[in-house]
Protein backbone atom coordinates (compact mmCIF):
# COMPACT_ATOMS: atom_id res chain seq x y z
CA THR A 1 33.22 -20.45 -6.43
CA PRO A 2 36.67 -17.96 -4.58
CA LEU A 3 34.07 -17.07 -2.29
CA ALA A 4 33.96 -18.09 1.75
CA SER A 5 30.66 -20.38 1.45
CA SER A 6 28.70 -18.90 4.51
CA THR A 7 28.74 -16.06 1.65
CA PHE A 8 28.19 -17.97 -1.33
CA ILE A 9 24.92 -19.61 -0.27
CA ASN A 10 23.60 -16.99 0.95
CA ARG A 11 23.68 -15.23 -2.82
CA ILE A 12 22.44 -18.64 -3.98
CA ASN A 13 19.36 -18.44 -1.93
CA SER A 14 19.26 -14.51 -2.16
CA PHE A 15 18.85 -15.76 -5.86
CA LEU A 16 17.19 -18.22 -6.03
CA ASP A 17 14.59 -16.76 -3.31
CA LYS A 18 14.45 -13.43 -5.90
CA HIS A 19 13.59 -15.59 -9.17
CA LEU A 20 12.14 -18.55 -8.15
CA SER A 21 9.45 -17.21 -6.06
CA PRO A 22 5.57 -17.25 -7.01
CA GLU A 23 4.38 -13.80 -8.32
CA ILE A 24 1.01 -12.50 -9.48
CA SER A 25 0.16 -9.04 -11.03
CA LEU A 26 -2.20 -6.02 -9.68
CA HIS A 27 -3.87 -3.18 -10.87
CA GLY A 28 -3.13 -0.46 -9.14
CA VAL A 29 -0.57 2.22 -7.80
CA LEU A 30 0.99 0.96 -4.40
CA MET A 31 3.78 4.26 -2.62
CA ASP A 32 5.52 4.13 0.05
CA VAL A 33 4.14 6.08 2.85
CA PHE A 34 6.04 7.64 5.73
CA GLY A 35 8.06 4.35 4.39
CA VAL A 36 4.64 1.93 4.37
CA GLY A 37 4.48 0.01 1.20
CA VAL A 38 0.60 0.33 0.93
CA ILE A 39 -1.37 -0.54 -2.51
CA LEU A 40 -4.11 1.14 -3.55
CA THR A 41 -6.95 -0.60 -5.62
CA GLY A 42 -10.57 0.04 -6.80
CA SER A 43 -12.45 0.20 -10.53
CA SER A 44 -10.96 2.12 -13.29
CA GLY A 45 -11.20 5.61 -13.31
CA ILE A 46 -11.60 5.74 -9.03
CA GLY A 47 -8.87 7.91 -8.95
CA LYS A 48 -6.37 5.81 -7.69
CA SER A 49 -3.60 7.79 -10.18
CA GLU A 50 -4.17 10.85 -8.38
CA CYS A 51 -4.59 10.04 -5.04
CA GLY A 52 -1.28 8.85 -6.26
CA LEU A 53 0.38 11.82 -7.62
CA ASP A 54 -1.37 13.59 -4.42
CA LEU A 55 0.75 11.98 -2.21
CA VAL A 56 3.96 12.19 -4.49
CA LEU A 57 3.07 16.70 -3.75
CA ARG A 58 3.30 15.58 0.05
CA GLY A 59 6.69 13.92 -0.73
CA HIS A 60 5.61 10.23 -0.37
CA ARG A 61 6.58 7.86 -3.20
CA LEU A 62 5.02 5.95 -5.97
CA VAL A 63 6.95 2.99 -6.63
CA ALA A 64 4.61 1.62 -9.14
CA ASP A 65 1.39 2.62 -11.22
CA ASP A 66 -1.48 0.75 -12.96
CA MET A 67 0.64 -3.24 -13.26
CA ILE A 68 2.06 -3.68 -9.90
CA ILE A 69 3.84 -7.16 -10.34
CA ILE A 70 3.76 -8.80 -6.39
CA SER A 71 6.94 -11.48 -5.41
CA GLN A 72 6.66 -13.21 -2.56
CA GLN A 73 9.29 -13.77 -0.81
CA SER A 74 9.84 -14.99 2.37
CA HIS A 75 7.86 -14.69 4.85
CA GLN A 76 6.47 -11.18 2.82
CA LEU A 77 5.45 -9.51 -0.38
CA VAL A 78 8.42 -7.76 -2.86
CA ALA A 79 6.32 -5.79 -5.13
CA TYR A 80 7.67 -3.32 -8.10
CA GLY A 81 6.22 -2.14 -11.36
CA SER A 82 6.52 -3.21 -15.47
CA PRO A 83 9.71 -1.73 -16.74
CA LEU A 84 7.57 -0.57 -19.73
CA THR A 85 5.92 2.24 -17.23
CA LYS A 86 8.95 1.97 -14.59
CA HIS A 87 8.54 6.07 -13.00
CA HIS A 88 5.63 6.44 -15.14
CA MET A 89 1.50 7.11 -13.82
CA GLU A 90 -1.07 7.77 -16.46
CA VAL A 91 -3.52 11.49 -15.18
CA ARG A 92 -6.97 11.24 -16.79
CA GLY A 93 -6.88 14.47 -18.72
CA LEU A 94 -2.85 14.93 -18.63
CA GLY A 95 -1.97 11.55 -19.88
CA ILE A 96 1.30 9.89 -19.18
CA ILE A 97 3.53 12.24 -16.90
CA ASN A 98 6.97 10.94 -15.99
CA VAL A 99 7.33 12.13 -12.13
CA LYS A 100 11.09 10.90 -11.09
CA ASP A 101 11.68 13.84 -14.09
CA LEU A 102 9.12 15.61 -13.34
CA PHE A 103 9.14 15.31 -8.94
CA GLY A 104 12.97 13.62 -8.75
CA ALA A 105 15.00 10.80 -7.95
CA ALA A 106 13.91 11.22 -4.41
CA SER A 107 9.46 11.31 -5.76
CA ILE A 108 10.36 7.42 -6.96
CA CYS A 109 11.13 3.61 -5.37
CA ASN A 110 11.72 0.34 -7.38
CA MET A 111 10.96 -1.82 -4.48
CA LYS A 112 8.60 -1.82 -2.29
CA GLN A 113 7.34 -4.31 0.54
CA ILE A 114 3.93 -3.94 0.83
CA SER A 115 2.35 -3.77 4.00
CA LEU A 116 -1.84 -2.26 3.95
CA MET A 117 -4.46 -2.42 1.20
CA VAL A 118 -7.03 0.85 0.46
CA ASP A 119 -9.68 -0.44 -1.72
CA LEU A 120 -10.93 2.79 -3.06
CA VAL A 121 -14.99 2.28 -4.38
CA GLU A 122 -17.73 4.15 -4.83
CA TRP A 123 -19.78 6.18 -1.75
CA ASP A 124 -22.30 4.02 -0.98
CA PRO A 125 -25.24 5.63 0.83
CA ASN A 126 -27.21 2.05 1.53
CA ALA A 127 -24.06 0.97 1.74
CA ASP A 128 -22.03 -0.33 5.85
CA TYR A 129 -19.15 1.60 6.27
CA ASP A 130 -16.83 0.39 9.10
CA ARG A 131 -17.69 3.33 11.36
CA THR A 132 -14.47 2.00 14.63
CA GLY A 133 -12.14 0.72 13.36
CA LEU A 134 -12.63 -2.56 14.77
CA ALA A 135 -13.60 -4.60 12.45
CA ASP A 136 -9.49 -5.45 10.63
CA GLU A 137 -9.99 -6.64 7.29
CA TYR A 138 -7.55 -9.23 4.66
CA ILE A 139 -6.57 -10.20 1.63
CA GLN A 140 -5.45 -13.12 1.07
CA LEU A 141 -2.00 -12.24 -1.54
CA LEU A 142 0.37 -15.29 -2.67
CA ASP A 143 0.27 -16.94 0.96
CA THR A 144 0.56 -13.51 2.98
CA GLU A 145 -2.15 -11.75 4.50
CA LEU A 146 -2.67 -8.25 4.33
CA PRO A 147 -4.40 -5.84 5.77
CA LYS A 148 -7.20 -4.32 4.44
CA ILE A 149 -9.23 -0.49 4.28
CA THR A 150 -12.01 0.29 2.40
CA LEU A 151 -12.59 3.57 1.27
CA PRO A 152 -15.56 5.47 0.58
CA ILE A 153 -14.86 8.24 -2.21
CA ARG A 154 -17.20 10.69 -1.92
CA PRO A 155 -16.73 14.79 -3.73
CA GLY A 156 -14.48 16.46 -0.75
CA ARG A 157 -12.98 14.42 0.41
CA SER A 158 -8.96 14.28 0.44
CA VAL A 159 -7.96 10.63 -0.70
CA ALA A 160 -4.41 11.15 -0.16
CA SER A 161 -5.15 13.01 3.45
CA ILE A 162 -6.74 9.62 4.53
CA VAL A 163 -4.10 7.36 3.06
CA GLU A 164 -1.40 9.37 4.93
CA VAL A 165 -3.02 8.61 8.25
CA ALA A 166 -4.25 4.72 7.20
CA ALA A 167 -0.48 4.50 7.19
CA ARG A 168 0.32 6.77 10.28
CA ASN A 169 -2.43 4.16 12.24
CA TYR A 170 -0.31 0.97 10.53
CA ILE A 171 2.39 1.71 12.02
CA LEU A 172 0.53 2.40 15.22
CA LYS A 173 -0.84 -0.48 15.48
CA SER A 174 2.49 -2.30 14.28
CA GLN A 175 4.00 -0.88 17.40
CA GLY A 176 1.31 -2.26 19.18
CA HIS A 177 -1.37 0.89 20.09
CA ASN A 178 -4.56 -0.02 18.34
CA SER A 179 -7.18 3.49 18.79
CA ALA A 180 -9.80 1.41 17.89
CA LYS A 181 -10.02 -1.03 20.76
CA LYS A 182 -8.55 1.00 23.41
CA PHE A 183 -11.28 3.49 22.20
CA GLN A 184 -13.83 1.08 22.54
CA SER A 185 -12.54 0.04 26.43
CA ARG A 186 -13.24 3.02 27.44
CA VAL A 187 -16.25 3.60 26.76
CA GLU A 188 -17.11 -0.02 28.34
CA ASN A 189 -15.17 1.42 31.37
CA GLN A 190 -17.41 4.28 31.69
CA LEU A 191 -20.53 2.62 31.67
CA ARG A 192 -19.60 0.61 33.22
CA ASP A 193 -19.03 2.53 35.77
CA ILE A 194 -22.98 4.09 35.36
């Protein structure tokens, strides 16, 4: 090669990492929300695509709908959509829509590092859902442990707003600010003073 050794080695390492890394596929919607790669999962018909569409309308970017291909590259998960369904979404009642054509090039993203999973579940009045944010939940995807939020769905809830707040909260936590733990500490201090 006419390239310098260091340039060639970097390029070949990048090539091998991209083409030989383990991959899995996952059913869901992958969004770029405030720069955070968020996977929306849940049973068929629960509203993943509708939530994704609502997020696009709020200025966030679609990475993949329905089929998400996830690749383990170094210590991070990188994902993209199937080439067949790229830039498209299936919205029940509307059918297949092309997000890029409808909303412009700024509404899509071809590839994104995954940081957070939001699992949409049917509301169950008998289930015990986390109400404080102190119980961290994780899911193992390939060689990476991914933070997971279980979000109960019920009529009238603005799921897109909650996903936006989850992304903002993830950003704060990654910067060392955990609101739930700070609140718990304040409550414990106040109880100690009584």
